């Protein structure tokens, strides 16, 4: 009687060793791509002393969500907080058009373009944001932004 069970036991042992009895663990659900803009590097660093002759250089990582669409494209922009602190502004050239849905760009901006402005005037200390913008027929809208970057004088 024990001889007839040996082939069954051997088959069961083989399946066990091959892992056929293991329960399949659920695979993690892929997370959808989100629209984001992050500051990879900033020169001079936030908090640094700047002057009219300074140029801010930012390296920015960006990503557009899979469901993000625009017939007009996307861009990254630098904007400075105004003295009344309720709006932002910049003078051209202050944007970079994006060619890919995900990547890294470098945006340079000479502070001489905003340093002596009076209408609108930049807030002191100089404070800026970087924006990821969706371009549309009437202009653009912000879809992601960095935290405020402040520089001393």
N, C-alpha and C. Protein backbone atom coordinates (compact mmCIF):
# COMPACT_ATOMS: atom_id res chain seq x y z
N UNK A 1 0.82 -1.19 0.00
CA UNK A 1 0.00 0.00 0.00
C UNK A 1 0.87 1.25 0.00
N UNK A 2 1.95 1.23 0.68
CA UNK A 2 2.82 2.39 0.73
C UNK A 2 3.52 2.63 -0.60
N UNK A 3 3.66 1.60 -1.42
CA UNK A 3 4.30 1.75 -2.72
C UNK A 3 3.47 2.61 -3.66
N UNK A 4 2.15 2.56 -3.57
CA UNK A 4 1.31 3.33 -4.48
C UNK A 4 1.31 4.82 -4.16
N UNK A 5 1.68 5.20 -2.95
CA UNK A 5 1.69 6.60 -2.58
C UNK A 5 3.03 7.28 -2.87
N UNK A 6 4.06 6.52 -3.14
CA UNK A 6 5.37 7.11 -3.39
C UNK A 6 5.36 8.04 -4.60
N UNK A 7 4.76 7.67 -5.74
CA UNK A 7 4.76 8.61 -6.88
C UNK A 7 3.98 9.90 -6.55
N UNK A 8 2.89 9.79 -5.81
CA UNK A 8 2.12 10.98 -5.45
C UNK A 8 2.93 11.86 -4.51
N UNK A 9 3.58 11.26 -3.54
CA UNK A 9 4.40 12.02 -2.60
C UNK A 9 5.57 12.68 -3.32
N UNK A 10 6.18 11.99 -4.25
CA UNK A 10 7.29 12.55 -5.01
C UNK A 10 6.83 13.73 -5.87
N UNK A 11 5.65 13.63 -6.47
CA UNK A 11 5.10 14.73 -7.27
C UNK A 11 4.80 15.93 -6.39
N UNK A 12 4.22 15.67 -5.24
CA UNK A 12 3.90 16.76 -4.31
C UNK A 12 5.17 17.45 -3.83
N UNK A 13 6.19 16.66 -3.49
CA UNK A 13 7.46 17.22 -3.05
C UNK A 13 8.10 18.05 -4.17
N UNK A 14 8.04 17.57 -5.40
CA UNK A 14 8.61 18.31 -6.54
C UNK A 14 7.89 19.64 -6.72
N UNK A 15 6.56 19.65 -6.64
CA UNK A 15 5.80 20.89 -6.78
C UNK A 15 6.11 21.86 -5.65
N UNK A 16 6.26 21.32 -4.46
CA UNK A 16 6.59 22.15 -3.31
C UNK A 16 7.94 22.81 -3.50
N UNK A 17 8.93 22.03 -3.94
CA UNK A 17 10.26 22.58 -4.16
C UNK A 17 10.30 23.58 -5.30
N UNK A 18 9.46 23.43 -6.28
CA UNK A 18 9.40 24.37 -7.41
C UNK A 18 8.63 25.63 -7.08
N UNK A 19 7.95 25.63 -5.96
CA UNK A 19 7.22 26.81 -5.54
C UNK A 19 5.83 26.89 -6.10
N UNK A 20 5.29 25.81 -6.61
CA UNK A 20 3.96 25.83 -7.20
C UNK A 20 2.87 25.96 -6.15
N UNK A 21 3.21 25.71 -4.90
CA UNK A 21 2.18 25.81 -3.87
C UNK A 21 2.14 27.21 -3.26
N UNK A 22 3.06 28.08 -3.68
CA UNK A 22 3.10 29.43 -3.12
C UNK A 22 1.90 30.24 -3.60
N UNK A 23 1.39 31.03 -2.67
CA UNK A 23 0.31 31.94 -3.03
C UNK A 23 0.93 33.13 -3.74
N UNK A 24 0.26 33.59 -4.75
CA UNK A 24 0.75 34.76 -5.48
C UNK A 24 0.46 36.00 -4.64
N UNK A 25 1.50 36.80 -4.43
CA UNK A 25 1.33 38.04 -3.69
C UNK A 25 0.81 39.09 -4.65
N UNK A 26 -0.08 39.92 -4.16
CA UNK A 26 -0.61 40.96 -5.05
C UNK A 26 0.49 41.91 -5.49
N UNK A 27 0.47 42.26 -6.75
CA UNK A 27 1.43 43.21 -7.30
C UNK A 27 0.99 44.62 -6.92
N UNK A 28 1.94 45.48 -6.58
CA UNK A 28 1.55 46.85 -6.24
C UNK A 28 0.91 47.53 -7.45
N UNK A 29 -0.10 48.30 -7.18
CA UNK A 29 -0.77 49.05 -8.25
C UNK A 29 0.13 50.19 -8.68
N UNK A 30 0.42 50.30 -9.97
CA UNK A 30 1.27 51.41 -10.41
C UNK A 30 0.59 52.74 -10.09
N UNK A 31 1.37 53.65 -9.55
CA UNK A 31 0.85 54.97 -9.23
C UNK A 31 0.82 55.81 -10.50
N UNK A 32 -0.26 56.56 -10.70
CA UNK A 32 -0.31 57.40 -11.90
C UNK A 32 0.74 58.51 -11.82
N UNK A 33 1.25 58.87 -12.96
CA UNK A 33 2.21 59.96 -13.05
C UNK A 33 1.52 61.25 -12.65
N UNK A 34 2.17 62.06 -11.82
CA UNK A 34 1.59 63.33 -11.40
C UNK A 34 2.40 64.47 -11.99
N UNK A 35 1.75 65.60 -12.16
CA UNK A 35 2.43 66.79 -12.64
C UNK A 35 3.25 67.36 -11.49
N UNK A 36 4.53 67.61 -11.75
CA UNK A 36 5.39 68.11 -10.69
C UNK A 36 6.49 69.00 -11.24
N UNK A 37 7.01 69.86 -10.35
CA UNK A 37 8.14 70.71 -10.65
C UNK A 37 8.97 70.79 -9.38
N UNK A 38 10.24 70.36 -9.45
CA UNK A 38 11.11 70.40 -8.27
C UNK A 38 12.42 71.09 -8.62
N UNK A 39 12.96 71.76 -7.63
CA UNK A 39 14.22 72.46 -7.79
C UNK A 39 15.37 71.49 -7.51
N UNK A 40 16.17 71.18 -8.52
CA UNK A 40 17.31 70.27 -8.36
C UNK A 40 18.52 71.01 -7.83
N UNK A 41 18.74 72.24 -8.32
CA UNK A 41 19.85 73.07 -7.82
C UNK A 41 19.54 74.53 -8.09
N UNK A 42 20.15 75.40 -7.28
CA UNK A 42 19.94 76.84 -7.40
C UNK A 42 21.25 77.54 -7.08
N UNK A 43 21.68 78.42 -8.00
CA UNK A 43 22.91 79.19 -7.82
C UNK A 43 22.61 80.66 -8.09
N UNK A 44 22.88 81.55 -7.16
CA UNK A 44 23.33 81.29 -5.81
C UNK A 44 22.23 80.60 -5.00
N UNK A 45 22.61 79.97 -3.90
CA UNK A 45 21.65 79.25 -3.06
C UNK A 45 20.66 80.23 -2.43
N UNK A 46 19.46 79.75 -2.17
CA UNK A 46 18.47 80.57 -1.47
C UNK A 46 19.09 81.06 -0.16
N UNK A 47 18.81 82.30 0.18
CA UNK A 47 19.38 82.90 1.38
C UNK A 47 20.68 83.64 1.13
N UNK A 48 21.28 83.42 -0.03
CA UNK A 48 22.55 84.08 -0.36
C UNK A 48 22.36 85.56 -0.60
N UNK A 49 23.46 86.27 -0.49
CA UNK A 49 23.48 87.70 -0.77
C UNK A 49 23.56 87.87 -2.29
N UNK A 50 22.66 88.68 -2.86
CA UNK A 50 22.66 88.95 -4.29
C UNK A 50 22.71 90.45 -4.53
N UNK A 51 23.04 90.81 -5.77
CA UNK A 51 23.09 92.22 -6.16
C UNK A 51 22.46 92.36 -7.54
N UNK A 52 22.42 93.59 -8.01
CA UNK A 52 21.89 93.85 -9.35
C UNK A 52 22.65 93.06 -10.42
N UNK A 53 23.93 92.79 -10.19
CA UNK A 53 24.78 92.09 -11.15
C UNK A 53 24.64 90.56 -11.08
N UNK A 54 23.89 90.06 -10.11
CA UNK A 54 23.75 88.59 -9.94
C UNK A 54 22.85 87.98 -11.01
N UNK A 55 23.13 86.74 -11.35
CA UNK A 55 22.28 85.94 -12.23
C UNK A 55 21.88 84.70 -11.45
N UNK A 56 20.58 84.42 -11.41
CA UNK A 56 20.07 83.23 -10.74
C UNK A 56 20.02 82.11 -11.78
N UNK A 57 20.59 80.97 -11.44
CA UNK A 57 20.56 79.79 -12.31
C UNK A 57 19.89 78.65 -11.56
N UNK A 58 18.78 78.17 -12.12
CA UNK A 58 18.04 77.07 -11.49
C UNK A 58 17.99 75.88 -12.43
N UNK A 59 18.26 74.72 -11.86
CA UNK A 59 18.06 73.47 -12.59
C UNK A 59 16.78 72.86 -12.01
N UNK A 60 15.81 72.59 -12.89
CA UNK A 60 14.48 72.15 -12.47
C UNK A 60 14.11 70.83 -13.11
N UNK A 61 13.59 69.92 -12.30
CA UNK A 61 13.04 68.65 -12.80
C UNK A 61 11.53 68.83 -12.93
N UNK A 62 10.99 68.39 -14.05
CA UNK A 62 9.55 68.52 -14.26
C UNK A 62 8.98 67.22 -14.82
N UNK A 63 7.69 67.03 -14.61
CA UNK A 63 6.99 65.86 -15.13
C UNK A 63 5.53 66.23 -15.33
N UNK A 64 4.98 65.85 -16.48
CA UNK A 64 3.57 66.08 -16.76
C UNK A 64 2.79 64.78 -16.57
N UNK A 65 1.66 64.87 -15.90
CA UNK A 65 0.81 63.69 -15.69
C UNK A 65 0.34 63.15 -17.03
N UNK A 66 0.03 61.86 -17.05
CA UNK A 66 -0.42 61.22 -18.29
C UNK A 66 -1.68 61.87 -18.84
N UNK A 67 -2.55 62.36 -17.96
CA UNK A 67 -3.81 62.96 -18.42
C UNK A 67 -3.70 64.46 -18.68
N UNK A 68 -2.51 65.02 -18.53
CA UNK A 68 -2.30 66.46 -18.75
C UNK A 68 -2.13 66.71 -20.24
N UNK A 69 -3.02 67.53 -20.84
CA UNK A 69 -2.94 67.82 -22.27
C UNK A 69 -3.09 69.31 -22.53
N UNK A 70 -2.41 69.77 -23.55
CA UNK A 70 -2.53 71.16 -24.01
C UNK A 70 -2.12 71.22 -25.47
N UNK A 71 -2.96 71.82 -26.27
CA UNK A 71 -2.64 71.99 -27.69
C UNK A 71 -1.56 73.03 -27.90
N UNK A 72 -1.35 73.88 -26.89
CA UNK A 72 -0.41 75.00 -27.01
C UNK A 72 0.94 74.73 -26.37
N UNK A 73 1.05 73.67 -25.58
CA UNK A 73 2.33 73.31 -24.98
C UNK A 73 2.46 73.70 -23.53
N UNK A 74 3.70 73.59 -23.04
CA UNK A 74 4.01 73.84 -21.63
C UNK A 74 5.31 74.62 -21.55
N UNK A 75 5.50 75.29 -20.41
CA UNK A 75 6.74 76.03 -20.20
C UNK A 75 7.04 76.13 -18.71
N UNK A 76 8.30 76.45 -18.42
CA UNK A 76 8.74 76.73 -17.06
C UNK A 76 9.06 78.22 -17.02
N UNK A 77 8.65 78.88 -15.94
CA UNK A 77 8.86 80.32 -15.82
C UNK A 77 9.37 80.69 -14.44
N UNK A 78 10.11 81.79 -14.36
CA UNK A 78 10.48 82.39 -13.09
C UNK A 78 9.61 83.63 -12.91
N UNK A 79 9.13 83.82 -11.69
CA UNK A 79 8.32 85.00 -11.38
C UNK A 79 8.77 85.55 -10.03
N UNK A 80 8.79 86.88 -9.92
CA UNK A 80 9.22 87.56 -8.70
C UNK A 80 8.02 88.14 -7.98
N UNK A 81 8.04 88.05 -6.65
CA UNK A 81 6.95 88.59 -5.84
C UNK A 81 7.06 90.11 -5.85
N UNK A 82 5.91 90.78 -6.02
CA UNK A 82 5.89 92.24 -6.06
C UNK A 82 5.88 92.81 -4.64
N UNK A 83 6.16 94.12 -4.54
CA UNK A 83 6.22 94.79 -3.25
C UNK A 83 4.90 94.72 -2.49
N UNK A 84 3.77 94.58 -3.19
CA UNK A 84 2.51 94.46 -2.47
C UNK A 84 2.22 92.99 -2.12
N UNK A 85 3.09 92.08 -2.51
CA UNK A 85 3.08 90.65 -2.21
C UNK A 85 1.81 89.90 -2.58
N UNK A 86 0.98 90.48 -3.46
CA UNK A 86 -0.22 89.78 -3.90
C UNK A 86 -0.12 89.28 -5.33
N UNK A 87 0.98 89.61 -5.99
CA UNK A 87 1.14 89.16 -7.37
C UNK A 87 2.61 88.92 -7.67
N UNK A 88 2.85 88.32 -8.82
CA UNK A 88 4.22 88.08 -9.27
C UNK A 88 4.41 88.68 -10.65
N UNK A 89 5.66 88.88 -11.03
CA UNK A 89 5.96 89.43 -12.35
C UNK A 89 7.35 88.99 -12.77
N UNK A 90 7.65 89.19 -14.03
CA UNK A 90 9.00 89.02 -14.58
C UNK A 90 9.02 89.75 -15.91
N UNK A 91 10.21 90.08 -16.36
CA UNK A 91 10.35 90.64 -17.69
C UNK A 91 11.03 89.60 -18.56
N UNK A 92 10.80 89.68 -19.85
CA UNK A 92 11.35 88.68 -20.76
C UNK A 92 12.86 88.81 -20.86
N UNK A 93 13.56 87.74 -21.10
CA UNK A 93 13.08 86.36 -21.25
C UNK A 93 12.98 85.68 -19.88
N UNK A 94 11.83 85.18 -19.53
CA UNK A 94 11.64 84.56 -18.22
C UNK A 94 11.05 83.16 -18.30
N UNK A 95 10.93 82.61 -19.52
CA UNK A 95 10.33 81.28 -19.67
C UNK A 95 11.18 80.39 -20.58
N UNK A 96 10.99 79.09 -20.43
CA UNK A 96 11.57 78.09 -21.32
C UNK A 96 10.44 77.18 -21.78
N UNK A 97 10.29 77.02 -23.10
CA UNK A 97 9.29 76.09 -23.61
C UNK A 97 9.79 74.66 -23.43
N UNK A 98 8.89 73.77 -23.06
CA UNK A 98 9.24 72.38 -22.82
C UNK A 98 8.98 71.54 -24.07
N UNK A 99 9.91 70.70 -24.42
CA UNK A 99 9.79 69.85 -25.61
C UNK A 99 9.34 68.44 -25.26
N UNK A 100 9.60 68.01 -24.04
CA UNK A 100 9.28 66.65 -23.60
C UNK A 100 8.27 66.71 -22.46
N UNK A 101 7.67 65.57 -22.13
CA UNK A 101 6.70 65.49 -21.04
C UNK A 101 7.37 65.34 -19.68
N UNK A 102 8.66 65.02 -19.69
CA UNK A 102 9.40 64.83 -18.45
C UNK A 102 10.85 65.15 -18.73
N UNK A 103 11.51 65.82 -17.80
CA UNK A 103 12.92 66.11 -18.03
C UNK A 103 13.48 67.10 -17.03
N UNK A 104 14.63 67.65 -17.39
CA UNK A 104 15.33 68.63 -16.57
C UNK A 104 15.68 69.82 -17.46
N UNK A 105 15.44 71.02 -16.97
CA UNK A 105 15.79 72.24 -17.70
C UNK A 105 16.60 73.15 -16.80
N UNK A 106 17.36 74.04 -17.42
CA UNK A 106 18.13 75.05 -16.69
C UNK A 106 17.63 76.42 -17.12
N UNK A 107 17.23 77.22 -16.16
CA UNK A 107 16.72 78.56 -16.43
C UNK A 107 17.63 79.57 -15.75
N UNK A 108 18.19 80.49 -16.54
CA UNK A 108 19.05 81.55 -16.00
C UNK A 108 18.31 82.87 -16.10
N UNK A 109 18.45 83.69 -15.05
CA UNK A 109 17.75 84.97 -15.06
C UNK A 109 18.63 86.03 -14.40
N UNK A 110 19.03 87.07 -15.16
CA UNK A 110 19.82 88.16 -14.58
C UNK A 110 18.91 89.06 -13.72
N UNK A 111 19.30 89.29 -12.50
CA UNK A 111 18.50 90.14 -11.61
C UNK A 111 18.44 91.59 -12.07
N UNK A 112 19.35 92.01 -12.95
CA UNK A 112 19.30 93.37 -13.47
C UNK A 112 17.98 93.66 -14.19
N UNK A 113 17.31 92.61 -14.68
CA UNK A 113 16.03 92.79 -15.38
C UNK A 113 14.90 93.22 -14.46
N UNK A 114 15.02 92.94 -13.15
CA UNK A 114 13.95 93.31 -12.21
C UNK A 114 14.43 94.20 -11.07
N UNK A 115 15.73 94.35 -10.90
CA UNK A 115 16.30 95.01 -9.73
C UNK A 115 15.78 96.43 -9.52
N UNK A 116 15.77 97.25 -10.55
CA UNK A 116 15.41 98.67 -10.42
C UNK A 116 13.96 98.96 -10.79
N UNK A 117 13.17 97.94 -11.01
CA UNK A 117 11.77 98.16 -11.41
C UNK A 117 11.01 98.87 -10.30
N UNK A 118 10.10 99.75 -10.72
CA UNK A 118 9.26 100.44 -9.73
C UNK A 118 7.78 100.10 -9.91
N UNK A 119 7.38 99.70 -11.10
CA UNK A 119 5.97 99.38 -11.32
C UNK A 119 5.86 98.18 -12.26
N UNK A 120 5.75 97.00 -11.76
CA UNK A 120 5.77 96.64 -10.34
C UNK A 120 7.20 96.54 -9.82
N UNK A 121 7.34 96.75 -8.52
CA UNK A 121 8.65 96.65 -7.87
C UNK A 121 8.77 95.29 -7.19
N UNK A 122 9.94 94.69 -7.23
CA UNK A 122 10.11 93.42 -6.53
C UNK A 122 10.14 93.63 -5.01
N UNK A 123 9.58 92.69 -4.28
CA UNK A 123 9.63 92.75 -2.82
C UNK A 123 11.07 92.57 -2.37
N UNK A 124 11.42 93.16 -1.27
CA UNK A 124 12.74 92.97 -0.68
C UNK A 124 12.57 92.19 0.61
N UNK A 125 13.33 91.15 0.91
CA UNK A 125 14.35 90.59 0.06
C UNK A 125 13.76 89.99 -1.22
N UNK A 126 14.59 89.93 -2.26
CA UNK A 126 14.15 89.39 -3.55
C UNK A 126 13.60 87.98 -3.33
N UNK A 127 12.38 87.75 -3.80
CA UNK A 127 11.70 86.47 -3.63
C UNK A 127 11.14 86.02 -4.97
N UNK A 128 11.42 84.77 -5.34
CA UNK A 128 10.92 84.27 -6.62
C UNK A 128 10.35 82.86 -6.47
N UNK A 129 9.54 82.49 -7.44
CA UNK A 129 8.99 81.14 -7.58
C UNK A 129 9.32 80.66 -8.99
N UNK A 130 9.35 79.36 -9.14
CA UNK A 130 9.41 78.76 -10.47
C UNK A 130 8.09 78.06 -10.70
N UNK A 131 7.52 78.28 -11.87
CA UNK A 131 6.20 77.74 -12.21
C UNK A 131 6.29 76.82 -13.42
N UNK A 132 5.53 75.74 -13.38
CA UNK A 132 5.27 74.91 -14.56
C UNK A 132 3.91 75.37 -15.06
N UNK A 133 3.87 75.84 -16.31
CA UNK A 133 2.65 76.44 -16.84
C UNK A 133 2.11 75.67 -18.04
N UNK A 134 0.78 75.56 -18.09
CA UNK A 134 0.08 75.05 -19.27
C UNK A 134 -0.26 76.27 -20.11
N UNK A 135 0.20 76.28 -21.34
CA UNK A 135 -0.08 77.41 -22.24
C UNK A 135 -1.44 77.16 -22.87
N UNK A 136 -2.24 78.23 -22.97
CA UNK A 136 -3.55 78.12 -23.62
C UNK A 136 -3.76 79.32 -24.55
N UNK A 137 -4.90 79.39 -25.18
CA UNK A 137 -5.16 80.43 -26.17
C UNK A 137 -5.09 81.83 -25.58
N UNK A 138 -5.43 81.99 -24.32
CA UNK A 138 -5.46 83.32 -23.72
C UNK A 138 -4.25 83.62 -22.83
N UNK A 139 -3.28 82.74 -22.76
CA UNK A 139 -2.11 82.97 -21.94
C UNK A 139 -1.57 81.68 -21.36
N UNK A 140 -1.61 81.56 -20.02
CA UNK A 140 -1.11 80.34 -19.38
C UNK A 140 -1.73 80.20 -18.00
N UNK A 141 -1.62 79.00 -17.45
CA UNK A 141 -2.07 78.75 -16.09
C UNK A 141 -1.02 77.90 -15.39
N UNK A 142 -0.85 78.14 -14.09
CA UNK A 142 0.14 77.42 -13.29
C UNK A 142 -0.42 76.05 -12.92
N UNK A 143 0.36 74.99 -13.21
CA UNK A 143 -0.08 73.63 -12.85
C UNK A 143 0.84 72.99 -11.81
N UNK A 144 2.00 73.60 -11.54
CA UNK A 144 2.90 73.16 -10.47
C UNK A 144 3.86 74.31 -10.18
N UNK A 145 4.39 74.34 -8.96
CA UNK A 145 5.32 75.40 -8.61
C UNK A 145 6.27 74.94 -7.51
N UNK A 146 7.40 75.66 -7.40
CA UNK A 146 8.35 75.41 -6.32
C UNK A 146 7.95 76.24 -5.12
N UNK A 147 8.62 76.03 -4.01
CA UNK A 147 8.45 76.91 -2.86
C UNK A 147 9.15 78.23 -3.15
N UNK A 148 8.86 79.25 -2.35
CA UNK A 148 9.47 80.54 -2.54
C UNK A 148 10.98 80.46 -2.29
N UNK A 149 11.75 81.14 -3.14
CA UNK A 149 13.20 81.22 -2.99
C UNK A 149 13.53 82.67 -2.67
N UNK A 150 14.11 82.91 -1.49
CA UNK A 150 14.43 84.28 -1.03
C UNK A 150 15.92 84.50 -1.01
N UNK A 151 16.31 85.71 -1.42
CA UNK A 151 17.72 86.10 -1.45
C UNK A 151 17.88 87.40 -0.68
N UNK A 152 18.99 87.55 0.05
CA UNK A 152 19.25 88.77 0.80
C UNK A 152 20.03 89.75 -0.08
N UNK A 153 20.12 90.98 0.41
CA UNK A 153 20.85 92.01 -0.33
C UNK A 153 21.92 92.63 0.55
